[in-house]
Amino acid sequence: MRQLLGYEEIVGSLDELLEIWSEWNNLYSATMKQEWKKREGGRLIRRHEKRPMTPGQRLIEYWRKEGEEEKARSMERQMRRCDPIEMKEEIEKRLKQVWEMKESLEATEAEEERRGAPRAEALLRYAPEGIGPGKKRKQEPKRQRAKRSPLNRVS
């Protein structure tokens, strides 16, 4: 998730966006798998596969080695059925919506602060239905470490 959104605080449901992005990443984002690494003095030497593959391709290859041809064919059909360019456009569209919503909430929050209204009311008043401020956990009191008596030392 951090690869996609960074460390920004996002308000709202991102389930659909993350589902599409995960599928795109697993089916069409190729990586080079590390084969081995060794340390020589202060340097770390790594060797990677010559041919980059997507996680989906690796899974197909694994299933074929294990003799599960039906699962491999099913994954290949899924890869042919999905268009990576359309998926990427959908991801970009949804990301744009998320950032626009975040900007509008920040602008609304700034306006409400100038008027003196609390932040939670501003979020609930202007946020689309189903989106609101996140639930905050109660902060538990910090635990005090028990002080050890010098008489209880183990020798």
N, C-alpha and C. Protein backbone atom coordinates (compact mmCIF):
# COMPACT_ATOMS: atom_id res chain seq x y z
N MET A 1 0.82 -1.18 0.00
CA MET A 1 0.00 0.00 0.00
C MET A 1 0.87 1.25 0.00
N ARG A 2 1.97 1.23 0.74
CA ARG A 2 2.84 2.40 0.79
C ARG A 2 3.49 2.68 -0.56
N GLN A 3 3.71 1.63 -1.39
CA GLN A 3 4.25 1.85 -2.72
C GLN A 3 3.29 2.70 -3.54
N LEU A 4 2.02 2.49 -3.36
CA LEU A 4 1.01 3.16 -4.15
C LEU A 4 0.68 4.55 -3.61
N LEU A 5 0.50 4.68 -2.31
CA LEU A 5 -0.01 5.91 -1.73
C LEU A 5 1.02 6.73 -0.95
N GLY A 6 2.15 6.15 -0.63
CA GLY A 6 3.13 6.88 0.17
C GLY A 6 2.72 6.90 1.63
N TYR A 7 3.15 7.92 2.35
CA TYR A 7 2.88 7.99 3.78
C TYR A 7 1.85 9.06 4.12
N GLU A 8 1.05 9.45 3.14
CA GLU A 8 0.01 10.43 3.38
C GLU A 8 -1.13 9.82 4.20
N GLU A 9 -1.79 10.65 4.98
CA GLU A 9 -2.97 10.19 5.71
C GLU A 9 -4.17 10.29 4.78
N ILE A 10 -4.80 9.16 4.51
CA ILE A 10 -5.90 9.10 3.56
C ILE A 10 -7.18 8.79 4.32
N VAL A 11 -8.24 9.51 3.99
CA VAL A 11 -9.54 9.27 4.59
C VAL A 11 -10.41 8.58 3.55
N GLY A 12 -11.04 7.49 3.93
CA GLY A 12 -11.96 6.83 3.02
C GLY A 12 -11.57 5.39 2.76
N SER A 13 -12.42 4.72 1.97
CA SER A 13 -12.22 3.32 1.66
C SER A 13 -11.38 3.19 0.41
N LEU A 14 -10.32 2.42 0.51
CA LEU A 14 -9.40 2.22 -0.61
C LEU A 14 -9.40 0.77 -1.08
N ASP A 15 -10.38 -0.02 -0.64
CA ASP A 15 -10.39 -1.45 -0.93
C ASP A 15 -10.36 -1.74 -2.43
N GLU A 16 -11.23 -1.08 -3.20
CA GLU A 16 -11.30 -1.36 -4.63
C GLU A 16 -10.01 -0.94 -5.34
N LEU A 17 -9.48 0.22 -4.97
CA LEU A 17 -8.23 0.69 -5.56
C LEU A 17 -7.10 -0.28 -5.27
N LEU A 18 -6.98 -0.72 -4.04
CA LEU A 18 -5.90 -1.64 -3.68
C LEU A 18 -6.08 -3.00 -4.32
N GLU A 19 -7.31 -3.42 -4.52
CA GLU A 19 -7.56 -4.70 -5.18
C GLU A 19 -7.09 -4.66 -6.64
N ILE A 20 -7.44 -3.58 -7.35
CA ILE A 20 -7.02 -3.44 -8.75
C ILE A 20 -5.50 -3.31 -8.83
N TRP A 21 -4.92 -2.51 -7.95
CA TRP A 21 -3.48 -2.31 -7.98
C TRP A 21 -2.73 -3.61 -7.67
N SER A 22 -3.21 -4.39 -6.71
CA SER A 22 -2.56 -5.66 -6.38
C SER A 22 -2.62 -6.63 -7.56
N GLU A 23 -3.78 -6.68 -8.22
CA GLU A 23 -3.90 -7.56 -9.38
C GLU A 23 -2.95 -7.11 -10.50
N TRP A 24 -2.91 -5.80 -10.77
CA TRP A 24 -2.01 -5.29 -11.81
C TRP A 24 -0.56 -5.58 -11.45
N ASN A 25 -0.21 -5.36 -10.19
CA ASN A 25 1.17 -5.57 -9.74
C ASN A 25 1.57 -7.04 -9.87
N ASN A 26 0.68 -7.96 -9.51
CA ASN A 26 0.99 -9.38 -9.57
C ASN A 26 0.99 -9.94 -10.99
N LEU A 27 0.18 -9.37 -11.87
CA LEU A 27 0.08 -9.91 -13.22
C LEU A 27 1.06 -9.26 -14.21
N TYR A 28 1.39 -7.98 -14.00
CA TYR A 28 2.11 -7.27 -15.04
C TYR A 28 3.37 -6.52 -14.59
N SER A 29 3.69 -6.52 -13.33
CA SER A 29 4.87 -5.81 -12.85
C SER A 29 6.02 -6.81 -12.68
N ALA A 30 6.95 -6.80 -13.64
CA ALA A 30 8.04 -7.78 -13.63
C ALA A 30 9.15 -7.37 -12.66
N THR A 31 9.72 -8.36 -12.00
CA THR A 31 10.85 -8.14 -11.10
C THR A 31 11.91 -9.19 -11.37
N MET A 32 13.12 -8.90 -10.94
CA MET A 32 14.20 -9.87 -11.09
C MET A 32 14.45 -10.49 -9.72
N LYS A 33 14.24 -11.77 -9.61
CA LYS A 33 14.36 -12.49 -8.35
C LYS A 33 15.83 -12.64 -7.97
N GLN A 34 16.13 -12.38 -6.72
CA GLN A 34 17.50 -12.53 -6.24
C GLN A 34 17.83 -14.01 -6.09
N GLU A 35 18.91 -14.46 -6.70
CA GLU A 35 19.31 -15.86 -6.63
C GLU A 35 20.18 -16.13 -5.41
N TRP A 36 21.13 -15.24 -5.15
CA TRP A 36 21.98 -15.42 -3.98
C TRP A 36 22.64 -14.10 -3.62
N LYS A 37 23.18 -14.05 -2.40
CA LYS A 37 23.97 -12.90 -1.98
C LYS A 37 25.05 -13.38 -1.03
N LYS A 38 26.15 -12.67 -1.02
CA LYS A 38 27.23 -13.00 -0.10
C LYS A 38 27.94 -11.72 0.30
N ARG A 39 28.55 -11.76 1.43
CA ARG A 39 29.27 -10.61 1.95
C ARG A 39 30.77 -10.83 1.75
N GLU A 40 31.41 -9.83 1.16
CA GLU A 40 32.86 -9.84 1.01
C GLU A 40 33.37 -8.59 1.70
N GLY A 41 33.90 -8.76 2.89
CA GLY A 41 34.35 -7.61 3.66
C GLY A 41 33.15 -6.74 4.02
N GLY A 42 33.21 -5.47 3.61
CA GLY A 42 32.11 -4.55 3.89
C GLY A 42 31.10 -4.49 2.77
N ARG A 43 31.32 -5.22 1.68
CA ARG A 43 30.42 -5.18 0.54
C ARG A 43 29.47 -6.37 0.53
N LEU A 44 28.29 -6.14 0.01
CA LEU A 44 27.31 -7.19 -0.15
C LEU A 44 27.12 -7.40 -1.66
N ILE A 45 27.40 -8.61 -2.14
CA ILE A 45 27.29 -8.92 -3.55
C ILE A 45 26.02 -9.73 -3.78
N ARG A 46 25.20 -9.26 -4.73
CA ARG A 46 23.94 -9.93 -5.02
C ARG A 46 23.92 -10.34 -6.49
N ARG A 47 23.31 -11.50 -6.75
CA ARG A 47 23.10 -11.96 -8.12
C ARG A 47 21.61 -12.22 -8.32
N HIS A 48 21.11 -11.75 -9.46
CA HIS A 48 19.69 -11.88 -9.78
C HIS A 48 19.50 -12.73 -11.02
N GLU A 49 18.27 -13.20 -11.21
CA GLU A 49 17.92 -13.95 -12.41
C GLU A 49 18.18 -13.09 -13.64
N LYS A 50 18.47 -13.73 -14.75
CA LYS A 50 18.71 -13.00 -16.00
C LYS A 50 17.42 -12.48 -16.61
N ARG A 51 16.33 -13.22 -16.45
CA ARG A 51 15.06 -12.88 -17.08
C ARG A 51 14.06 -12.43 -16.02
N PRO A 52 13.61 -11.16 -16.08
CA PRO A 52 12.60 -10.72 -15.11
C PRO A 52 11.26 -11.40 -15.39
N MET A 53 10.52 -11.70 -14.32
CA MET A 53 9.21 -12.33 -14.43
C MET A 53 8.25 -11.65 -13.46
N THR A 54 6.97 -11.74 -13.78
CA THR A 54 5.96 -11.23 -12.86
C THR A 54 5.65 -12.31 -11.83
N PRO A 55 5.08 -11.93 -10.68
CA PRO A 55 4.66 -12.96 -9.72
C PRO A 55 3.68 -13.96 -10.33
N GLY A 56 2.81 -13.50 -11.24
CA GLY A 56 1.88 -14.40 -11.90
C GLY A 56 2.59 -15.44 -12.76
N GLN A 57 3.63 -15.00 -13.48
CA GLN A 57 4.40 -15.93 -14.30
C GLN A 57 5.14 -16.94 -13.44
N ARG A 58 5.65 -16.49 -12.30
CA ARG A 58 6.34 -17.41 -11.39
C ARG A 58 5.37 -18.47 -10.86
N LEU A 59 4.14 -18.03 -10.57
CA LEU A 59 3.13 -18.96 -10.07
C LEU A 59 2.75 -19.99 -11.13
N ILE A 60 2.61 -19.55 -12.37
CA ILE A 60 2.30 -20.47 -13.47
C ILE A 60 3.42 -21.50 -13.62
N GLU A 61 4.65 -21.01 -13.58
CA GLU A 61 5.81 -21.90 -13.69
C GLU A 61 5.83 -22.93 -12.55
N TYR A 62 5.54 -22.47 -11.33
CA TYR A 62 5.51 -23.36 -10.17
C TYR A 62 4.44 -24.43 -10.33
N TRP A 63 3.22 -24.00 -10.73
CA TRP A 63 2.12 -24.96 -10.89
C TRP A 63 2.44 -25.99 -11.97
N ARG A 64 3.10 -25.58 -13.02
CA ARG A 64 3.46 -26.53 -14.08
C ARG A 64 4.46 -27.56 -13.55
N LYS A 65 5.41 -27.12 -12.74
CA LYS A 65 6.39 -28.06 -12.15
C LYS A 65 5.70 -29.04 -11.21
N GLU A 66 4.67 -28.56 -10.50
CA GLU A 66 3.94 -29.40 -9.55
C GLU A 66 2.89 -30.28 -10.23
N GLY A 67 2.69 -30.08 -11.53
CA GLY A 67 1.71 -30.90 -12.26
C GLY A 67 0.28 -30.40 -12.16
N GLU A 68 0.08 -29.17 -11.74
CA GLU A 68 -1.26 -28.61 -11.61
C GLU A 68 -1.55 -27.73 -12.83
N GLU A 69 -1.72 -28.38 -13.97
CA GLU A 69 -1.88 -27.70 -15.25
C GLU A 69 -3.15 -26.86 -15.30
N GLU A 70 -4.24 -27.30 -14.68
CA GLU A 70 -5.50 -26.56 -14.71
C GLU A 70 -5.35 -25.20 -14.04
N LYS A 71 -4.67 -25.15 -12.91
CA LYS A 71 -4.45 -23.86 -12.23
C LYS A 71 -3.59 -22.95 -13.09
N ALA A 72 -2.58 -23.51 -13.74
CA ALA A 72 -1.71 -22.71 -14.60
C ALA A 72 -2.50 -22.13 -15.77
N ARG A 73 -3.35 -22.94 -16.40
CA ARG A 73 -4.16 -22.45 -17.52
C ARG A 73 -5.14 -21.38 -17.06
N SER A 74 -5.70 -21.56 -15.86
CA SER A 74 -6.62 -20.57 -15.31
C SER A 74 -5.92 -19.22 -15.13
N MET A 75 -4.71 -19.25 -14.61
CA MET A 75 -3.96 -18.01 -14.42
C MET A 75 -3.60 -17.37 -15.76
N GLU A 76 -3.25 -18.17 -16.74
CA GLU A 76 -2.94 -17.64 -18.07
C GLU A 76 -4.17 -16.98 -18.70
N ARG A 77 -5.35 -17.59 -18.51
CA ARG A 77 -6.58 -16.99 -19.02
C ARG A 77 -6.83 -15.64 -18.36
N GLN A 78 -6.59 -15.58 -17.07
CA GLN A 78 -6.79 -14.32 -16.34
C GLN A 78 -5.83 -13.25 -16.88
N MET A 79 -4.59 -13.63 -17.15
CA MET A 79 -3.61 -12.67 -17.67
C MET A 79 -4.02 -12.18 -19.07
N ARG A 80 -4.57 -13.06 -19.90
CA ARG A 80 -5.01 -12.66 -21.24
C ARG A 80 -6.28 -11.81 -21.18
N ARG A 81 -7.16 -12.10 -20.21
CA ARG A 81 -8.43 -11.41 -20.10
C ARG A 81 -8.24 -9.94 -19.66
N CYS A 82 -7.30 -9.69 -18.80
CA CYS A 82 -7.08 -8.34 -18.27
C CYS A 82 -6.13 -7.56 -19.19
N ASP A 83 -6.42 -6.29 -19.38
CA ASP A 83 -5.57 -5.43 -20.18
C ASP A 83 -4.77 -4.54 -19.22
N PRO A 84 -3.44 -4.65 -19.24
CA PRO A 84 -2.64 -3.89 -18.29
C PRO A 84 -2.78 -2.38 -18.45
N ILE A 85 -2.97 -1.91 -19.68
CA ILE A 85 -3.09 -0.46 -19.91
C ILE A 85 -4.40 0.06 -19.33
N GLU A 86 -5.49 -0.67 -19.56
CA GLU A 86 -6.78 -0.26 -18.99
C GLU A 86 -6.74 -0.32 -17.47
N MET A 87 -6.11 -1.34 -16.92
CA MET A 87 -6.01 -1.45 -15.46
C MET A 87 -5.23 -0.27 -14.89
N LYS A 88 -4.12 0.09 -15.54
CA LYS A 88 -3.30 1.20 -15.06
C LYS A 88 -4.07 2.52 -15.14
N GLU A 89 -4.86 2.71 -16.22
CA GLU A 89 -5.68 3.91 -16.34
C GLU A 89 -6.73 3.97 -15.23
N GLU A 90 -7.32 2.83 -14.90
CA GLU A 90 -8.31 2.78 -13.82
C GLU A 90 -7.66 3.11 -12.47
N ILE A 91 -6.46 2.60 -12.26
CA ILE A 91 -5.73 2.89 -11.02
C ILE A 91 -5.46 4.39 -10.93
N GLU A 92 -4.97 4.97 -12.02
CA GLU A 92 -4.68 6.41 -12.03
C GLU A 92 -5.94 7.24 -11.78
N LYS A 93 -7.06 6.83 -12.39
CA LYS A 93 -8.32 7.55 -12.20
C LYS A 93 -8.75 7.52 -10.73
N ARG A 94 -8.66 6.35 -10.12
CA ARG A 94 -9.07 6.22 -8.72
C ARG A 94 -8.11 6.96 -7.79
N LEU A 95 -6.82 6.94 -8.11
CA LEU A 95 -5.86 7.71 -7.30
C LEU A 95 -6.18 9.20 -7.38
N LYS A 96 -6.50 9.67 -8.57
CA LYS A 96 -6.84 11.08 -8.74
C LYS A 96 -8.05 11.44 -7.88
N GLN A 97 -9.05 10.56 -7.85
CA GLN A 97 -10.23 10.80 -7.02
C GLN A 97 -9.86 10.88 -5.54
N VAL A 98 -8.97 9.97 -5.11
CA VAL A 98 -8.55 9.96 -3.70
C VAL A 98 -7.86 11.27 -3.35
N TRP A 99 -6.92 11.72 -4.21
CA TRP A 99 -6.18 12.95 -3.91
C TRP A 99 -7.09 14.17 -3.96
N GLU A 100 -8.05 14.20 -4.91
CA GLU A 100 -8.99 15.32 -4.97
C GLU A 100 -9.85 15.37 -3.72
N MET A 101 -10.31 14.20 -3.25
CA MET A 101 -11.11 14.15 -2.04
C MET A 101 -10.28 14.63 -0.84
N LYS A 102 -9.03 14.22 -0.78
CA LYS A 102 -8.16 14.63 0.32
C LYS A 102 -7.96 16.14 0.30
N GLU A 103 -7.72 16.70 -0.88
CA GLU A 103 -7.53 18.15 -0.99
C GLU A 103 -8.79 18.91 -0.60
N SER A 104 -9.96 18.43 -1.03
CA SER A 104 -11.20 19.13 -0.69
C SER A 104 -11.47 19.06 0.81
N LEU A 105 -11.15 17.91 1.43
CA LEU A 105 -11.33 17.80 2.88
C LEU A 105 -10.38 18.73 3.62
N GLU A 106 -9.15 18.84 3.13
CA GLU A 106 -8.19 19.75 3.78
C GLU A 106 -8.64 21.20 3.64
N ALA A 107 -9.16 21.57 2.46
CA ALA A 107 -9.64 22.94 2.26
C ALA A 107 -10.84 23.22 3.16
N THR A 108 -11.74 22.25 3.24
CA THR A 108 -12.91 22.40 4.10
C THR A 108 -12.50 22.51 5.56
N GLU A 109 -11.54 21.69 5.94
CA GLU A 109 -11.04 21.73 7.32
C GLU A 109 -10.43 23.08 7.64
N ALA A 110 -9.65 23.62 6.72
CA ALA A 110 -9.04 24.93 6.95
C ALA A 110 -10.11 26.01 7.07
N GLU A 111 -11.13 25.93 6.22
CA GLU A 111 -12.23 26.90 6.28
C GLU A 111 -12.97 26.80 7.61
N GLU A 112 -13.25 25.58 8.04
CA GLU A 112 -13.97 25.38 9.31
C GLU A 112 -13.13 25.83 10.50
N GLU A 113 -11.82 25.63 10.43
CA GLU A 113 -10.96 26.09 11.53
C GLU A 113 -10.99 27.61 11.64
N ARG A 114 -11.04 28.29 10.47
CA ARG A 114 -11.14 29.75 10.50
C ARG A 114 -12.45 30.19 11.14
N ARG A 115 -13.50 29.40 10.93
CA ARG A 115 -14.79 29.73 11.52
C ARG A 115 -14.88 29.27 12.97
N GLY A 116 -14.02 28.35 13.39
CA GLY A 116 -14.02 27.88 14.77
C GLY A 116 -14.74 26.57 14.99
N ALA A 117 -15.16 25.88 13.93
CA ALA A 117 -15.85 24.60 14.08
C ALA A 117 -14.85 23.47 14.30
N PRO A 118 -15.22 22.45 15.06
CA PRO A 118 -14.32 21.31 15.27
C PRO A 118 -14.08 20.54 13.97
N ARG A 119 -12.96 19.86 13.91
CA ARG A 119 -12.52 19.15 12.71
C ARG A 119 -13.48 18.01 12.33
N ALA A 120 -13.93 17.21 13.28
CA ALA A 120 -14.77 16.05 12.99
C ALA A 120 -16.07 16.48 12.31
N GLU A 121 -16.65 17.58 12.74
CA GLU A 121 -17.88 18.05 12.12
C GLU A 121 -17.64 18.44 10.67
N ALA A 122 -16.51 19.05 10.39
CA ALA A 122 -16.20 19.45 9.01
C ALA A 122 -16.07 18.22 8.13
N LEU A 123 -15.43 17.20 8.61
CA LEU A 123 -15.26 15.99 7.81
C LEU A 123 -16.59 15.32 7.54
N LEU A 124 -17.44 15.24 8.55
CA LEU A 124 -18.72 14.58 8.36
C LEU A 124 -19.66 15.39 7.47
N ARG A 125 -19.57 16.70 7.54
CA ARG A 125 -20.47 17.54 6.77
C ARG A 125 -20.15 17.50 5.28
N TYR A 126 -18.86 17.46 4.91
CA TYR A 126 -18.48 17.59 3.51
C TYR A 126 -17.99 16.30 2.87
N ALA A 127 -17.76 15.27 3.63
CA ALA A 127 -17.26 14.02 3.06
C ALA A 127 -18.39 13.26 2.38
N PRO A 128 -18.10 12.54 1.28
CA PRO A 128 -19.14 11.71 0.65
C PRO A 128 -19.64 10.66 1.64
N GLU A 129 -20.81 10.11 1.36
CA GLU A 129 -21.41 9.14 2.27
C GLU A 129 -20.50 7.92 2.44
N GLY A 130 -20.39 7.44 3.66
CA GLY A 130 -19.57 6.27 3.94
C GLY A 130 -18.13 6.62 4.26
N ILE A 131 -17.79 7.90 4.14
CA ILE A 131 -16.41 8.30 4.44
C ILE A 131 -16.46 9.31 5.56
N GLY A 132 -15.64 9.09 6.54
CA GLY A 132 -15.61 10.01 7.66
C GLY A 132 -14.30 9.90 8.38
N PRO A 133 -14.18 10.56 9.49
CA PRO A 133 -12.92 10.50 10.21
C PRO A 133 -12.66 9.10 10.72
N GLY A 134 -11.41 8.70 10.70
CA GLY A 134 -11.04 7.37 11.18
C GLY A 134 -11.24 7.25 12.68
N LYS A 135 -11.47 6.05 13.14
CA LYS A 135 -11.62 5.84 14.57
C LYS A 135 -10.26 5.90 15.23
N LYS A 136 -10.20 6.61 16.30
CA LYS A 136 -8.94 6.69 17.01
C LYS A 136 -8.97 5.74 18.20
N ARG A 137 -7.85 5.08 18.40
CA ARG A 137 -7.77 4.18 19.54
C ARG A 137 -7.55 4.98 20.81
N LYS A 138 -8.08 4.45 21.89
CA LYS A 138 -7.81 5.07 23.17
C LYS A 138 -6.35 4.86 23.52
N GLN A 139 -5.75 5.90 24.02
CA GLN A 139 -4.36 5.75 24.41
C GLN A 139 -4.32 5.15 25.80
N GLU A 140 -3.57 4.07 25.87
CA GLU A 140 -3.42 3.42 27.16
C GLU A 140 -2.32 4.12 27.93
N PRO A 141 -2.46 4.16 29.25
CA PRO A 141 -1.38 4.78 30.02
C PRO A 141 -0.10 3.98 29.86
N LYS A 142 1.01 4.70 29.86
CA LYS A 142 2.29 4.02 29.72
C LYS A 142 2.55 3.16 30.94
N ARG A 143 3.08 1.99 30.67
CA ARG A 143 3.39 1.07 31.77
C ARG A 143 4.70 1.49 32.41
N GLN A 144 4.69 1.46 33.68
CA GLN A 144 5.91 1.78 34.41
C GLN A 144 6.70 0.51 34.63
N ARG A 145 7.96 0.56 34.34
CA ARG A 145 8.82 -0.60 34.55
C ARG A 145 9.07 -0.73 36.05
N ALA A 146 8.91 -1.94 36.54
CA ALA A 146 9.15 -2.17 37.96
C ALA A 146 10.64 -2.02 38.25
N LYS A 147 10.93 -1.26 39.27
CA LYS A 147 12.34 -1.05 39.63
C LYS A 147 12.83 -2.28 40.37
N ARG A 148 14.01 -2.69 39.98
CA ARG A 148 14.60 -3.86 40.64
C ARG A 148 15.34 -3.43 41.90
N SER A 149 15.19 -4.26 42.84
CA SER A 149 15.91 -4.00 44.09
C SER A 149 17.33 -4.52 43.95
N PRO A 150 18.32 -3.80 44.44
CA PRO A 150 19.70 -4.30 44.35
C PRO A 150 19.89 -5.59 45.16
N LEU A 151 18.95 -5.89 46.07
CA LEU A 151 19.06 -7.09 46.87
C LEU A 151 18.64 -8.33 46.08
N ASN A 152 17.89 -8.16 44.99
CA ASN A 152 17.39 -9.31 44.21
C ASN A 152 18.29 -9.67 43.04
N ARG A 153 19.47 -9.15 42.97
CA ARG A 153 20.35 -9.44 41.85
C ARG A 153 20.76 -10.90 41.84
N VAL A 154 20.83 -11.45 40.64
CA VAL A 154 21.27 -12.83 40.49
C VAL A 154 22.76 -12.82 40.24
N SER A 155 23.50 -13.63 40.98
CA SER A 155 24.95 -13.62 40.81
C SER A 155 25.41 -14.70 39.89
